[in-house]
């Protein structure tokens, strides 16, 4: 396992981090299975575990808490808030009212007195940066969080939050967690240059592109990934965009084979090769899945292989732009861009 400094915090983190979204009902993972995954990840050198309150409506946090009991200090523990937690309209977002409550709920489920990294899961257009950063700064001063970060923020909102922190003399986001893979490279054009400019650590999620780069999606074979069952339209090969992804996967598989790598090693090695990326978040459902991904821990792609990848998917290109989560709202809602 390789280790890098998380932004400018001085904290050393593994280049592969364990994402716990699949713990519980979402991934049909039992507590024993989740604990076995955590055990194997720590044994393999992973020292970051990332979860969120909305994963299974708290179930993932509870399972992570049980899995790390007795060894909390060996782990850089991260969680997130923002997504709806129930039907009550104010049990979501990034207001002070909700973040204070949500963090206490997360700490209780995790069975800890603080988290190392608390992240705002999405940008909240209804809440000012000052409101959110003020609440997070107070929670940090109270010792309940060590650092705080953003997740899937558009580049211009990352910049705005940095300026708001400076203007109001508040703590600042020190990390960003964007979606990034060979098939979704759009953040190279805007988000990653901004994170480099401000010295943010980057924890990249979905480096295997929701299973497209796991080796389970290949031409001429049935797609049986769990994600395909939940979101079948994202794998419907009758759609031109998905055909383009499959064509890219076949070319990438050939590149990986010629380089003596698995497709997973190629995909994870690509993400961690970018100088702005600190860690790639892997989200295995089984120990076998985890081991196939840990095999990429020491993968360093040579320049010629990276050039071949660029020829398949051009830098800064998203093959599935409709699946992005950091698109400015006005591009999605006509009422926001028309008088």
C-alpha atoms as a PDB file:
ATOM      1  CA  UNK A   1       0.000   0.000   0.000  1.00  0.00           C
ATOM      2  CA  UNK A   2       1.139   3.542  -0.751  1.00  0.00           C
ATOM      3  CA  UNK A   3       0.352   6.536   1.468  1.00  0.00           C
ATOM      4  CA  UNK A   4      -0.108  10.218   0.733  1.00  0.00           C
ATOM      5  CA  UNK A   5      -0.766  13.356   2.732  1.00  0.00           C
ATOM      6  CA  UNK A   6      -4.435  14.333   2.845  1.00  0.00           C
ATOM      7  CA  UNK A   7      -4.322  17.820   1.382  1.00  0.00           C
ATOM      8  CA  UNK A   8      -2.400  20.079   3.743  1.00  0.00           C
ATOM      9  CA  UNK A   9      -3.589  18.374   6.937  1.00  0.00           C
ATOM     10  CA  UNK A  10      -0.434  16.351   7.549  1.00  0.00           C
ATOM     11  CA  UNK A  11      -2.556  13.207   7.933  1.00  0.00           C
ATOM     12  CA  UNK A  12      -1.162  10.195   6.069  1.00  0.00           C
ATOM     13  CA  UNK A  13      -3.788   8.129   4.255  1.00  0.00           C
ATOM     14  CA  UNK A  14      -3.713   5.033   2.069  1.00  0.00           C
ATOM     15  CA  UNK A  15      -4.108   5.502  -1.674  1.00  0.00           C
ATOM     16  CA  UNK A  16      -6.983   2.997  -1.569  1.00  0.00           C
ATOM     17  CA  UNK A  17      -9.717   3.875   0.927  1.00  0.00           C
ATOM     18  CA  UNK A  18     -12.606   1.661   2.001  1.00  0.00           C
ATOM     19  CA  UNK A  19     -16.045   2.993   1.122  1.00  0.00           C
ATOM     20  CA  UNK A  20     -18.843   1.438   3.191  1.00  0.00           C
ATOM     21  CA  UNK A  21     -21.884   2.245   1.064  1.00  0.00           C
ATOM     22  CA  UNK A  22     -22.472  -1.457   0.402  1.00  0.00           C
ATOM     23  CA  UNK A  23     -22.606  -2.366   4.086  1.00  0.00           C
ATOM     24  CA  UNK A  24     -26.118  -3.455   4.980  1.00  0.00           C
ATOM     25  CA  UNK A  25     -29.226  -3.593   2.819  1.00  0.00           C
ATOM     26  CA  UNK A  26     -27.766  -1.697  -0.156  1.00  0.00           C
ATOM     27  CA  UNK A  27     -25.127  -4.359  -0.785  1.00  0.00           C
ATOM     28  CA  UNK A  28     -26.939  -7.158   1.044  1.00  0.00           C
ATOM     29  CA  UNK A  29     -23.948  -7.356   3.396  1.00  0.00           C
ATOM     30  CA  UNK A  30     -24.306  -8.810   6.890  1.00  0.00           C
ATOM     31  CA  UNK A  31     -22.444  -7.537   9.943  1.00  0.00           C
ATOM     32  CA  UNK A  32     -20.088 -10.522   9.869  1.00  0.00           C
ATOM     33  CA  UNK A  33     -19.324  -9.867   6.196  1.00  0.00           C
ATOM     34  CA  UNK A  34     -18.785  -6.156   6.808  1.00  0.00           C
ATOM     35  CA  UNK A  35     -16.429  -6.897   9.705  1.00  0.00           C
ATOM     36  CA  UNK A  36     -14.501  -9.385   7.555  1.00  0.00           C
ATOM     37  CA  UNK A  37     -14.138  -6.730   4.836  1.00  0.00           C
ATOM     38  CA  UNK A  38     -12.856  -4.183   7.368  1.00  0.00           C
ATOM     39  CA  UNK A  39     -10.449  -6.762   8.819  1.00  0.00           C
ATOM     40  CA  UNK A  40      -9.044  -7.616   5.384  1.00  0.00           C
ATOM     41  CA  UNK A  41      -8.807  -3.949   4.366  1.00  0.00           C
ATOM     42  CA  UNK A  42      -6.855  -2.982   7.474  1.00  0.00           C
ATOM     43  CA  UNK A  43      -4.614  -6.018   7.062  1.00  0.00           C
ATOM     44  CA  UNK A  44      -3.974  -4.883   3.483  1.00  0.00           C
ATOM     45  CA  UNK A  45      -2.819  -1.448   4.624  1.00  0.00           C
ATOM     46  CA  UNK A  46      -6.017   0.572   4.167  1.00  0.00           C
ATOM     47  CA  UNK A  47      -6.356   3.151   6.932  1.00  0.00           C
ATOM     48  CA  UNK A  48      -9.348   5.200   5.692  1.00  0.00           C
ATOM     49  CA  UNK A  49     -12.987   4.149   6.067  1.00  0.00           C
ATOM     50  CA  UNK A  50     -15.633   6.376   4.513  1.00  0.00           C
ATOM     51  CA  UNK A  51     -19.367   6.100   5.113  1.00  0.00           C
ATOM     52  CA  UNK A  52     -22.427   8.390   5.255  1.00  0.00           C
ATOM     53  CA  UNK A  53     -25.552   8.754   7.334  1.00  0.00           C
ATOM     54  CA  UNK A  54     -27.839   8.054   4.385  1.00  0.00           C
ATOM     55  CA  UNK A  55     -26.247   4.715   3.455  1.00  0.00           C
ATOM     56  CA  UNK A  56     -29.058   2.416   4.513  1.00  0.00           C
ATOM     57  CA  UNK A  57     -30.504   5.262   6.598  1.00  0.00           C
ATOM     58  CA  UNK A  58     -27.774   4.836   9.197  1.00  0.00           C
ATOM     59  CA  UNK A  59     -27.235   1.092   8.801  1.00  0.00           C
ATOM     60  CA  UNK A  60     -23.769   1.449   7.253  1.00  0.00           C
ATOM     61  CA  UNK A  61     -22.544   3.696  10.060  1.00  0.00           C
ATOM     62  CA  UNK A  62     -23.805   1.241  12.671  1.00  0.00           C
ATOM     63  CA  UNK A  63     -22.037  -1.656  10.955  1.00  0.00           C
ATOM     64  CA  UNK A  64     -18.811   0.313  10.557  1.00  0.00           C
ATOM     65  CA  UNK A  65     -18.928   1.236  14.244  1.00  0.00           C
ATOM     66  CA  UNK A  66     -19.229  -2.392  15.272  1.00  0.00           C
ATOM     67  CA  UNK A  67     -16.472  -3.456  12.855  1.00  0.00           C
ATOM     68  CA  UNK A  68     -13.927  -0.925  14.134  1.00  0.00           C
ATOM     69  CA  UNK A  69     -14.669  -1.329  17.852  1.00  0.00           C
ATOM     70  CA  UNK A  70     -11.427  -1.477  19.821  1.00  0.00           C
ATOM     71  CA  UNK A  71      -9.246  -0.081  17.029  1.00  0.00           C
ATOM     72  CA  UNK A  72     -10.768   3.278  16.281  1.00  0.00           C
ATOM     73  CA  UNK A  73      -7.480   5.165  16.744  1.00  0.00           C
ATOM     74  CA  UNK A  74      -5.851   3.194  13.918  1.00  0.00           C
ATOM     75  CA  UNK A  75      -8.402   4.463  11.383  1.00  0.00           C
ATOM     76  CA  UNK A  76      -9.025   7.758   9.625  1.00  0.00           C
ATOM     77  CA  UNK A  77     -12.807   7.708   9.954  1.00  0.00           C
ATOM     78  CA  UNK A  78     -14.964   9.751   7.581  1.00  0.00           C
ATOM     79  CA  UNK A  79     -18.694  10.201   7.230  1.00  0.00           C
ATOM     80  CA  UNK A  80     -21.083  12.558   5.476  1.00  0.00           C
ATOM     81  CA  UNK A  81     -24.386  14.394   5.920  1.00  0.00           C
ATOM     82  CA  UNK A  82     -26.828  16.286   3.699  1.00  0.00           C
ATOM     83  CA  UNK A  83     -29.109  13.664   2.126  1.00  0.00           C
ATOM     84  CA  UNK A  84     -32.658  13.215   3.495  1.00  0.00           C
ATOM     85  CA  UNK A  85     -32.905  11.136   6.662  1.00  0.00           C
ATOM     86  CA  UNK A  86     -36.607  10.407   6.854  1.00  0.00           C
ATOM     87  CA  UNK A  87     -39.669  12.347   5.772  1.00  0.00           C
ATOM     88  CA  UNK A  88     -39.280  15.478   7.940  1.00  0.00           C
ATOM     89  CA  UNK A  89     -38.365  18.370   5.643  1.00  0.00           C
ATOM     90  CA  UNK A  90     -35.577  19.740   7.843  1.00  0.00           C
ATOM     91  CA  UNK A  91     -33.848  16.394   8.341  1.00  0.00           C
ATOM     92  CA  UNK A  92     -31.572  17.104   5.396  1.00  0.00           C
ATOM     93  CA  UNK A  93     -29.352  19.794   3.922  1.00  0.00           C
ATOM     94  CA  UNK A  94     -26.414  21.684   5.376  1.00  0.00           C
ATOM     95  CA  UNK A  95     -28.037  24.129   7.776  1.00  0.00           C
ATOM     96  CA  UNK A  96     -26.590  24.506  11.261  1.00  0.00           C
ATOM     97  CA  UNK A  97     -29.835  23.080  12.656  1.00  0.00           C
ATOM     98  CA  UNK A  98     -29.440  19.839  10.742  1.00  0.00           C
ATOM     99  CA  UNK A  99     -25.657  19.360  10.737  1.00  0.00           C
ATOM    100  CA  UNK A 100     -25.426  19.569  14.530  1.00  0.00           C
ATOM    101  CA  UNK A 101     -28.174  16.963  14.894  1.00  0.00           C
ATOM    102  CA  UNK A 102     -26.921  14.769  12.064  1.00  0.00           C
ATOM    103  CA  UNK A 103     -23.396  14.617  13.467  1.00  0.00           C
ATOM    104  CA  UNK A 104     -24.610  13.604  16.924  1.00  0.00           C
ATOM    105  CA  UNK A 105     -26.691  10.860  15.294  1.00  0.00           C
ATOM    106  CA  UNK A 106     -23.677   9.667  13.285  1.00  0.00           C
ATOM    107  CA  UNK A 107     -21.401   9.608  16.327  1.00  0.00           C
ATOM    108  CA  UNK A 108     -23.969   7.566  18.226  1.00  0.00           C
ATOM    109  CA  UNK A 109     -24.310   5.033  15.403  1.00  0.00           C
ATOM    110  CA  UNK A 110     -20.552   4.805  14.924  1.00  0.00           C
ATOM    111  CA  UNK A 111     -19.957   4.467  18.662  1.00  0.00           C
ATOM    112  CA  UNK A 112     -17.227   7.141  18.711  1.00  0.00           C
ATOM    113  CA  UNK A 113     -16.791  10.603  20.200  1.00  0.00           C
ATOM    114  CA  UNK A 114     -15.426  12.197  17.013  1.00  0.00           C
ATOM    115  CA  UNK A 115     -14.870  11.600  13.321  1.00  0.00           C
ATOM    116  CA  UNK A 116     -11.692  12.562  11.532  1.00  0.00           C
ATOM    117  CA  UNK A 117     -13.405  13.910   8.417  1.00  0.00           C
ATOM    118  CA  UNK A 118     -16.977  15.207   8.211  1.00  0.00           C
ATOM    119  CA  UNK A 119     -18.167  15.890   4.676  1.00  0.00           C
ATOM    120  CA  UNK A 120     -21.111  17.777   3.212  1.00  0.00           C
ATOM    121  CA  UNK A 121     -22.489  15.163   0.819  1.00  0.00           C
ATOM    122  CA  UNK A 122     -23.723  17.629  -1.813  1.00  0.00           C
ATOM    123  CA  UNK A 123     -23.798  21.391  -2.286  1.00  0.00           C
ATOM    124  CA  UNK A 124     -26.969  22.863  -0.780  1.00  0.00           C
ATOM    125  CA  UNK A 125     -28.225  25.823  -2.866  1.00  0.00           C
ATOM    126  CA  UNK A 126     -30.677  26.766  -0.105  1.00  0.00           C
ATOM    127  CA  UNK A 127     -27.995  27.323   2.539  1.00  0.00           C
ATOM    128  CA  UNK A 128     -25.272  29.978   2.579  1.00  0.00           C
ATOM    129  CA  UNK A 129     -21.623  29.011   2.789  1.00  0.00           C
ATOM    130  CA  UNK A 130     -21.297  31.126   5.933  1.00  0.00           C
ATOM    131  CA  UNK A 131     -24.110  29.182   7.651  1.00  0.00           C
ATOM    132  CA  UNK A 132     -22.592  25.799   6.842  1.00  0.00           C
ATOM    133  CA  UNK A 133     -18.955  26.695   7.485  1.00  0.00           C
ATOM    134  CA  UNK A 134     -19.831  28.400  10.767  1.00  0.00           C
ATOM    135  CA  UNK A 135     -21.590  25.254  12.012  1.00  0.00           C
ATOM    136  CA  UNK A 136     -18.729  23.014  10.889  1.00  0.00           C
ATOM    137  CA  UNK A 137     -16.144  25.290  12.491  1.00  0.00           C
ATOM    138  CA  UNK A 138     -18.006  25.168  15.803  1.00  0.00           C
ATOM    139  CA  UNK A 139     -18.264  21.375  15.636  1.00  0.00           C
ATOM    140  CA  UNK A 140     -14.532  21.221  14.972  1.00  0.00           C
ATOM    141  CA  UNK A 141     -13.780  23.483  17.938  1.00  0.00           C
ATOM    142  CA  UNK A 142     -16.010  21.284  20.082  1.00  0.00           C
ATOM    143  CA  UNK A 143     -13.762  18.328  19.229  1.00  0.00           C
ATOM    144  CA  UNK A 144     -16.472  16.345  17.457  1.00  0.00           C
ATOM    145  CA  UNK A 145     -14.732  16.520  14.063  1.00  0.00           C
ATOM    146  CA  UNK A 146     -11.069  16.944  13.212  1.00  0.00           C
ATOM    147  CA  UNK A 147     -11.489  18.202   9.645  1.00  0.00           C
ATOM    148  CA  UNK A 148     -14.340  18.875   7.250  1.00  0.00           C
ATOM    149  CA  UNK A 149     -14.736  18.597   3.513  1.00  0.00           C
ATOM    150  CA  UNK A 150     -17.127  18.701   0.592  1.00  0.00           C
ATOM    151  CA  UNK A 151     -18.405  15.980  -1.709  1.00  0.00           C
ATOM    152  CA  UNK A 152     -19.361  16.278  -5.378  1.00  0.00           C
ATOM    153  CA  UNK A 153     -19.297  20.091  -5.342  1.00  0.00           C
ATOM    154  CA  UNK A 154     -19.089  21.951  -8.665  1.00  0.00           C
ATOM    155  CA  UNK A 155     -15.738  23.667  -9.103  1.00  0.00           C
ATOM    156  CA  UNK A 156     -17.162  27.160  -8.745  1.00  0.00           C
ATOM    157  CA  UNK A 157     -18.798  26.207  -5.419  1.00  0.00           C
ATOM    158  CA  UNK A 158     -15.485  24.851  -4.119  1.00  0.00           C
ATOM    159  CA  UNK A 159     -13.911  28.230  -4.924  1.00  0.00           C
ATOM    160  CA  UNK A 160     -16.806  30.171  -3.400  1.00  0.00           C
ATOM    161  CA  UNK A 161     -16.606  28.171  -0.157  1.00  0.00           C
ATOM    162  CA  UNK A 162     -12.868  28.851   0.110  1.00  0.00           C
ATOM    163  CA  UNK A 163     -13.473  32.584  -0.274  1.00  0.00           C
ATOM    164  CA  UNK A 164     -16.362  32.520   2.205  1.00  0.00           C
ATOM    165  CA  UNK A 165     -14.127  30.839   4.790  1.00  0.00           C
ATOM    166  CA  UNK A 166     -11.503  33.517   4.322  1.00  0.00           C
ATOM    167  CA  UNK A 167     -13.969  36.411   4.347  1.00  0.00           C
ATOM    168  CA  UNK A 168     -15.758  35.283   7.512  1.00  0.00           C
ATOM    169  CA  UNK A 169     -12.644  33.908   9.301  1.00  0.00           C
ATOM    170  CA  UNK A 170     -14.027  30.383   9.456  1.00  0.00           C
ATOM    171  CA  UNK A 171     -12.549  26.927   9.018  1.00  0.00           C
ATOM    172  CA  UNK A 172     -12.378  25.749   5.429  1.00  0.00           C
ATOM    173  CA  UNK A 173     -13.069  22.575   3.523  1.00  0.00           C
ATOM    174  CA  UNK A 174      -9.805  20.634   3.331  1.00  0.00           C
ATOM    175  CA  UNK A 175     -11.022  17.807   1.082  1.00  0.00           C
ATOM    176  CA  UNK A 176     -13.309  17.188  -1.863  1.00  0.00           C
ATOM    177  CA  UNK A 177     -14.862  13.836  -2.797  1.00  0.00           C
ATOM    178  CA  UNK A 178     -15.735  13.762  -6.520  1.00  0.00           C
ATOM    179  CA  UNK A 179     -16.711  10.966  -8.873  1.00  0.00           C
ATOM    180  CA  UNK A 180     -13.749  10.052 -11.083  1.00  0.00           C
ATOM    181  CA  UNK A 181     -12.859   7.170 -13.368  1.00  0.00           C
ATOM    182  CA  UNK A 182     -11.444   6.490 -16.815  1.00  0.00           C
ATOM    183  CA  UNK A 183     -14.989   6.723 -18.188  1.00  0.00           C
ATOM    184  CA  UNK A 184     -15.858   9.916 -16.273  1.00  0.00           C
ATOM    185  CA  UNK A 185     -12.961  12.334 -16.654  1.00  0.00           C
ATOM    186  CA  UNK A 186     -14.835  15.648 -16.670  1.00  0.00           C
ATOM    187  CA  UNK A 187     -13.433  16.792 -13.319  1.00  0.00           C
ATOM    188  CA  UNK A 188      -9.979  16.972 -14.896  1.00  0.00           C
ATOM    189  CA  UNK A 189     -11.173  20.102 -16.702  1.00  0.00           C
ATOM    190  CA  UNK A 190     -12.469  22.031 -13.691  1.00  0.00           C
ATOM    191  CA  UNK A 191     -12.635  20.366 -10.251  1.00  0.00           C
ATOM    192  CA  UNK A 192      -9.127  18.908 -10.034  1.00  0.00           C
ATOM    193  CA  UNK A 193      -7.342  22.139 -11.074  1.00  0.00           C
ATOM    194  CA  UNK A 194      -9.266  23.922  -8.297  1.00  0.00           C
ATOM    195  CA  UNK A 195      -8.439  21.325  -5.640  1.00  0.00           C
ATOM    196  CA  UNK A 196      -4.774  21.574  -6.592  1.00  0.00           C
ATOM    197  CA  UNK A 197      -4.911  25.378  -6.398  1.00  0.00           C
ATOM    198  CA  UNK A 198      -6.362  25.318  -2.875  1.00  0.00           C
ATOM    199  CA  UNK A 199      -4.441  22.309  -1.617  1.00  0.00           C
ATOM    200  CA  UNK A 200      -7.464  20.084  -1.013  1.00  0.00           C
ATOM    201  CA  UNK A 201      -7.161  16.353  -0.532  1.00  0.00           C
ATOM    202  CA  UNK A 202      -9.205  14.395  -3.070  1.00  0.00           C
ATOM    203  CA  UNK A 203     -10.994  11.127  -2.265  1.00  0.00           C
ATOM    204  CA  UNK A 204     -12.301   9.873  -5.607  1.00  0.00           C
ATOM    205  CA  UNK A 205     -15.470   7.776  -5.544  1.00  0.00           C
ATOM    206  CA  UNK A 206     -16.695   5.315  -8.177  1.00  0.00           C
ATOM    207  CA  UNK A 207     -13.220   4.699  -9.657  1.00  0.00           C
ATOM    208  CA  UNK A 208     -14.618   1.509 -11.236  1.00  0.00           C
ATOM    209  CA  UNK A 209     -17.467   3.494 -12.835  1.00  0.00           C
ATOM    210  CA  UNK A 210     -20.290   1.691 -11.008  1.00  0.00           C
ATOM    211  CA  UNK A 211     -18.918  -1.686 -12.102  1.00  0.00           C
ATOM    212  CA  UNK A 212     -18.226  -0.889 -15.739  1.00  0.00           C
ATOM    213  CA  UNK A 213     -14.486  -1.245 -15.068  1.00  0.00           C
ATOM    214  CA  UNK A 214     -14.700  -4.227 -12.723  1.00  0.00           C
ATOM    215  CA  UNK A 215     -14.433  -6.810 -15.501  1.00  0.00           C
ATOM    216  CA  UNK A 216     -18.064  -7.823 -15.015  1.00  0.00           C
ATOM    217  CA  UNK A 217     -19.310  -5.800 -17.989  1.00  0.00           C
ATOM    218  CA  UNK A 218     -17.963  -7.213 -21.241  1.00  0.00           C
ATOM    219  CA  UNK A 219     -19.217  -7.683 -24.752  1.00  0.00           C
ATOM    220  CA  UNK A 220     -21.121 -10.904 -25.358  1.00  0.00           C
ATOM    221  CA  UNK A 221     -21.820 -11.700 -21.719  1.00  0.00           C
ATOM    222  CA  UNK A 222     -24.777 -11.091 -19.453  1.00  0.00           C
ATOM    223  CA  UNK A 223     -24.446  -8.126 -17.106  1.00  0.00           C
ATOM    224  CA  UNK A 224     -25.042  -9.420 -13.593  1.00  0.00           C
ATOM    225  CA  UNK A 225     -23.633  -6.669 -11.376  1.00  0.00           C
ATOM    226  CA  UNK A 226     -25.768  -5.583  -8.426  1.00  0.00           C
ATOM    227  CA  UNK A 227     -25.769  -2.000  -9.700  1.00  0.00           C
ATOM    228  CA  UNK A 228     -27.281  -3.150 -13.003  1.00  0.00           C
ATOM    229  CA  UNK A 229     -30.209  -4.628 -11.096  1.00  0.00           C
ATOM    230  CA  UNK A 230     -30.833  -1.389  -9.214  1.00  0.00           C
ATOM    231  CA  UNK A 231     -30.204   1.000 -12.124  1.00  0.00           C
ATOM    232  CA  UNK A 232     -30.861  -1.041 -15.277  1.00  0.00           C
ATOM    233  CA  UNK A 233     -30.998   2.002 -17.565  1.00  0.00           C
ATOM    234  CA  UNK A 234     -27.324   2.687 -16.860  1.00  0.00           C
ATOM    235  CA  UNK A 235     -26.429  -0.668 -18.380  1.00  0.00           C
ATOM    236  CA  UNK A 236     -29.018  -0.861 -21.177  1.00  0.00           C
ATOM    237  CA  UNK A 237     -26.896  -1.588 -24.232  1.00  0.00           C
ATOM    238  CA  UNK A 238     -29.650  -0.372 -26.535  1.00  0.00           C
ATOM    239  CA  UNK A 239     -28.745   3.159 -25.460  1.00  0.00           C
ATOM    240  CA  UNK A 240     -25.983   4.787 -27.559  1.00  0.00           C
ATOM    241  CA  UNK A 241     -24.150   6.153 -24.509  1.00  0.00           C
ATOM    242  CA  UNK A 242     -23.894   2.712 -22.952  1.00  0.00           C
ATOM    243  CA  UNK A 243     -22.710   1.225 -26.228  1.00  0.00           C
ATOM    244  CA  UNK A 244     -19.940   3.849 -26.261  1.00  0.00           C
ATOM    245  CA  UNK A 245     -18.968   2.855 -22.722  1.00  0.00           C
ATOM    246  CA  UNK A 246     -18.875  -0.813 -23.642  1.00  0.00           C
ATOM    247  CA  UNK A 247     -16.688  -0.070 -26.660  1.00  0.00           C
ATOM    248  CA  UNK A 248     -14.310   1.861 -24.408  1.00  0.00           C
ATOM    249  CA  UNK A 249     -14.249  -0.979 -21.859  1.00  0.00           C
ATOM    250  CA  UNK A 250     -13.270  -3.488 -24.548  1.00  0.00           C
ATOM    251  CA  UNK A 251     -10.380  -1.277 -25.668  1.00  0.00           C
ATOM    252  CA  UNK A 252      -9.291  -0.700 -22.085  1.00  0.00           C
ATOM    253  CA  UNK A 253      -9.405  -4.427 -21.342  1.00  0.00           C
ATOM    254  CA  UNK A 254      -7.001  -4.985 -24.230  1.00  0.00           C
ATOM    255  CA  UNK A 255      -4.654  -2.284 -22.901  1.00  0.00           C
ATOM    256  CA  UNK A 256      -4.742  -3.879 -19.454  1.00  0.00           C
ATOM    257  CA  UNK A 257      -4.052  -7.340 -20.835  1.00  0.00           C
ATOM    258  CA  UNK A 258      -1.078  -6.145 -22.874  1.00  0.00           C
ATOM    259  CA  UNK A 259       0.304  -4.401 -19.777  1.00  0.00           C
ATOM    260  CA  UNK A 260      -0.075  -7.562 -17.694  1.00  0.00           C
ATOM    261  CA  UNK A 261      -2.765  -6.015 -15.510  1.00  0.00           C
ATOM    262  CA  UNK A 262      -6.360  -6.715 -14.623  1.00  0.00           C
ATOM    263  CA  UNK A 263      -8.934  -4.167 -15.715  1.00  0.00           C
ATOM    264  CA  UNK A 264      -9.408  -3.267 -12.036  1.00  0.00           C
ATOM    265  CA  UNK A 265      -5.694  -2.581 -11.637  1.00  0.00           C
ATOM    266  CA  UNK A 266      -5.742  -0.413 -14.754  1.00  0.00           C
ATOM    267  CA  UNK A 267      -8.780   1.537 -13.526  1.00  0.00           C
ATOM    268  CA  UNK A 268      -7.540   2.139  -9.993  1.00  0.00           C
ATOM    269  CA  UNK A 269      -3.986   2.810 -11.134  1.00  0.00           C
ATOM    270  CA  UNK A 270      -5.325   5.439 -13.514  1.00  0.00           C
ATOM    271  CA  UNK A 271      -7.264   7.298 -10.803  1.00  0.00           C
ATOM    272  CA  UNK A 272      -4.388   7.321  -8.306  1.00  0.00           C
ATOM    273  CA  UNK A 273      -1.937   8.411 -11.024  1.00  0.00           C
ATOM    274  CA  UNK A 274      -3.429  11.908 -11.162  1.00  0.00           C
ATOM    275  CA  UNK A 275      -1.321  14.229  -8.980  1.00  0.00           C
ATOM    276  CA  UNK A 276      -4.443  15.881  -7.530  1.00  0.00           C
ATOM    277  CA  UNK A 277      -5.919  12.599  -6.264  1.00  0.00           C
ATOM    278  CA  UNK A 278      -5.086  11.453  -2.753  1.00  0.00           C
ATOM    279  CA  UNK A 279      -7.064   8.199  -2.556  1.00  0.00           C
ATOM    280  CA  UNK A 280      -9.475   6.108  -4.608  1.00  0.00           C
ATOM    281  CA  UNK A 281     -12.537   4.908  -2.700  1.00  0.00           C
ATOM    282  CA  UNK A 282     -13.326   1.247  -3.282  1.00  0.00           C
ATOM    283  CA  UNK A 283     -16.695  -0.163  -2.234  1.00  0.00           C
ATOM    284  CA  UNK A 284     -16.527  -3.974  -2.182  1.00  0.00           C
ATOM    285  CA  UNK A 285     -19.526  -6.127  -1.268  1.00  0.00           C
ATOM    286  CA  UNK A 286     -17.429  -9.202  -0.474  1.00  0.00           C
ATOM    287  CA  UNK A 287     -13.924 -10.001   0.747  1.00  0.00           C
ATOM    288  CA  UNK A 288     -13.146 -11.476  -2.687  1.00  0.00           C
ATOM    289  CA  UNK A 289     -14.132  -8.181  -4.314  1.00  0.00           C
ATOM    290  CA  UNK A 290     -11.897  -6.358  -1.857  1.00  0.00           C
ATOM    291  CA  UNK A 291      -8.903  -8.566  -2.561  1.00  0.00           C
ATOM    292  CA  UNK A 292      -9.225  -8.068  -6.306  1.00  0.00           C
ATOM    293  CA  UNK A 293      -9.140  -4.319  -5.682  1.00  0.00           C
ATOM    294  CA  UNK A 294      -6.329  -4.374  -3.124  1.00  0.00           C
ATOM    295  CA  UNK A 295      -4.238  -6.037  -5.831  1.00  0.00           C
ATOM    296  CA  UNK A 296      -4.067  -2.563  -7.401  1.00  0.00           C
ATOM    297  CA  UNK A 297      -2.486  -0.982  -4.304  1.00  0.00           C
ATOM    298  CA  UNK A 298       0.994  -0.883  -5.769  1.00  0.00           C
ATOM    299  CA  UNK A 299       0.010  -0.324  -9.397  1.00  0.00           C
ATOM    300  CA  UNK A 300       1.925   2.467 -11.111  1.00  0.00           C
ATOM    301  CA  UNK A 301       0.953   2.935 -14.740  1.00  0.00           C
ATOM    302  CA  UNK A 302       3.801   3.847 -17.108  1.00  0.00           C
ATOM    303  CA  UNK A 303       3.470   6.862 -19.382  1.00  0.00           C
ATOM    304  CA  UNK A 304       2.801   4.798 -22.508  1.00  0.00           C
ATOM    305  CA  UNK A 305      -0.161   3.041 -20.864  1.00  0.00           C
ATOM    306  CA  UNK A 306      -1.589   6.374 -19.696  1.00  0.00           C
ATOM    307  CA  UNK A 307      -1.201   7.667 -23.256  1.00  0.00           C
ATOM    308  CA  UNK A 308      -3.127   4.665 -24.580  1.00  0.00           C
ATOM    309  CA  UNK A 309      -5.929   5.353 -22.086  1.00  0.00           C
ATOM    310  CA  UNK A 310      -6.053   8.977 -23.266  1.00  0.00           C
ATOM    311  CA  UNK A 311      -6.548   7.719 -26.814  1.00  0.00           C
ATOM    312  CA  UNK A 312      -9.629   5.754 -25.719  1.00  0.00           C
ATOM    313  CA  UNK A 313     -11.217   8.403 -23.486  1.00  0.00           C
ATOM    314  CA  UNK A 314      -9.876  11.905 -24.000  1.00  0.00           C
ATOM    315  CA  UNK A 315      -8.801  13.918 -20.944  1.00  0.00           C
ATOM    316  CA  UNK A 316     -11.645  15.932 -19.444  1.00  0.00           C
ATOM    317  CA  UNK A 317     -14.323  13.821 -21.140  1.00  0.00           C
ATOM    318  CA  UNK A 318     -17.381  12.223 -19.516  1.00  0.00           C
ATOM    319  CA  UNK A 319     -18.822   9.298 -21.441  1.00  0.00           C
ATOM    320  CA  UNK A 320     -21.998   9.518 -19.341  1.00  0.00           C
ATOM    321  CA  UNK A 321     -22.520  13.255 -18.693  1.00  0.00           C
ATOM    322  CA  UNK A 322     -26.128  12.650 -17.642  1.00  0.00           C
ATOM    323  CA  UNK A 323     -24.881  10.719 -14.609  1.00  0.00           C
ATOM    324  CA  UNK A 324     -22.858  13.588 -13.193  1.00  0.00           C
ATOM    325  CA  UNK A 325     -23.804  14.976  -9.788  1.00  0.00           C
ATOM    326  CA  UNK A 326     -21.939  18.294  -9.855  1.00  0.00           C
ATOM    327  CA  UNK A 327     -23.750  19.867 -12.795  1.00  0.00           C
ATOM    328  CA  UNK A 328     -24.939  23.427 -12.024  1.00  0.00           C
ATOM    329  CA  UNK A 329     -28.706  23.324 -11.288  1.00  0.00           C
ATOM    330  CA  UNK A 330     -29.515  25.763 -14.093  1.00  0.00           C
ATOM    331  CA  UNK A 331     -28.346  23.206 -16.665  1.00  0.00           C
ATOM    332  CA  UNK A 332     -30.860  20.698 -15.347  1.00  0.00           C
ATOM    333  CA  UNK A 333     -33.856  22.930 -14.568  1.00  0.00           C
ATOM    334  CA  UNK A 334     -35.018  25.242 -17.406  1.00  0.00           C
ATOM    335  CA  UNK A 335     -36.839  27.491 -14.925  1.00  0.00           C
ATOM    336  CA  UNK A 336     -33.485  28.485 -13.425  1.00  0.00           C
ATOM    337  CA  UNK A 337     -32.003  29.675 -16.726  1.00  0.00           C
ATOM    338  CA  UNK A 338     -35.008  31.354 -18.351  1.00  0.00           C
ATOM    339  CA  UNK A 339     -36.796  34.545 -17.430  1.00  0.00           C
END
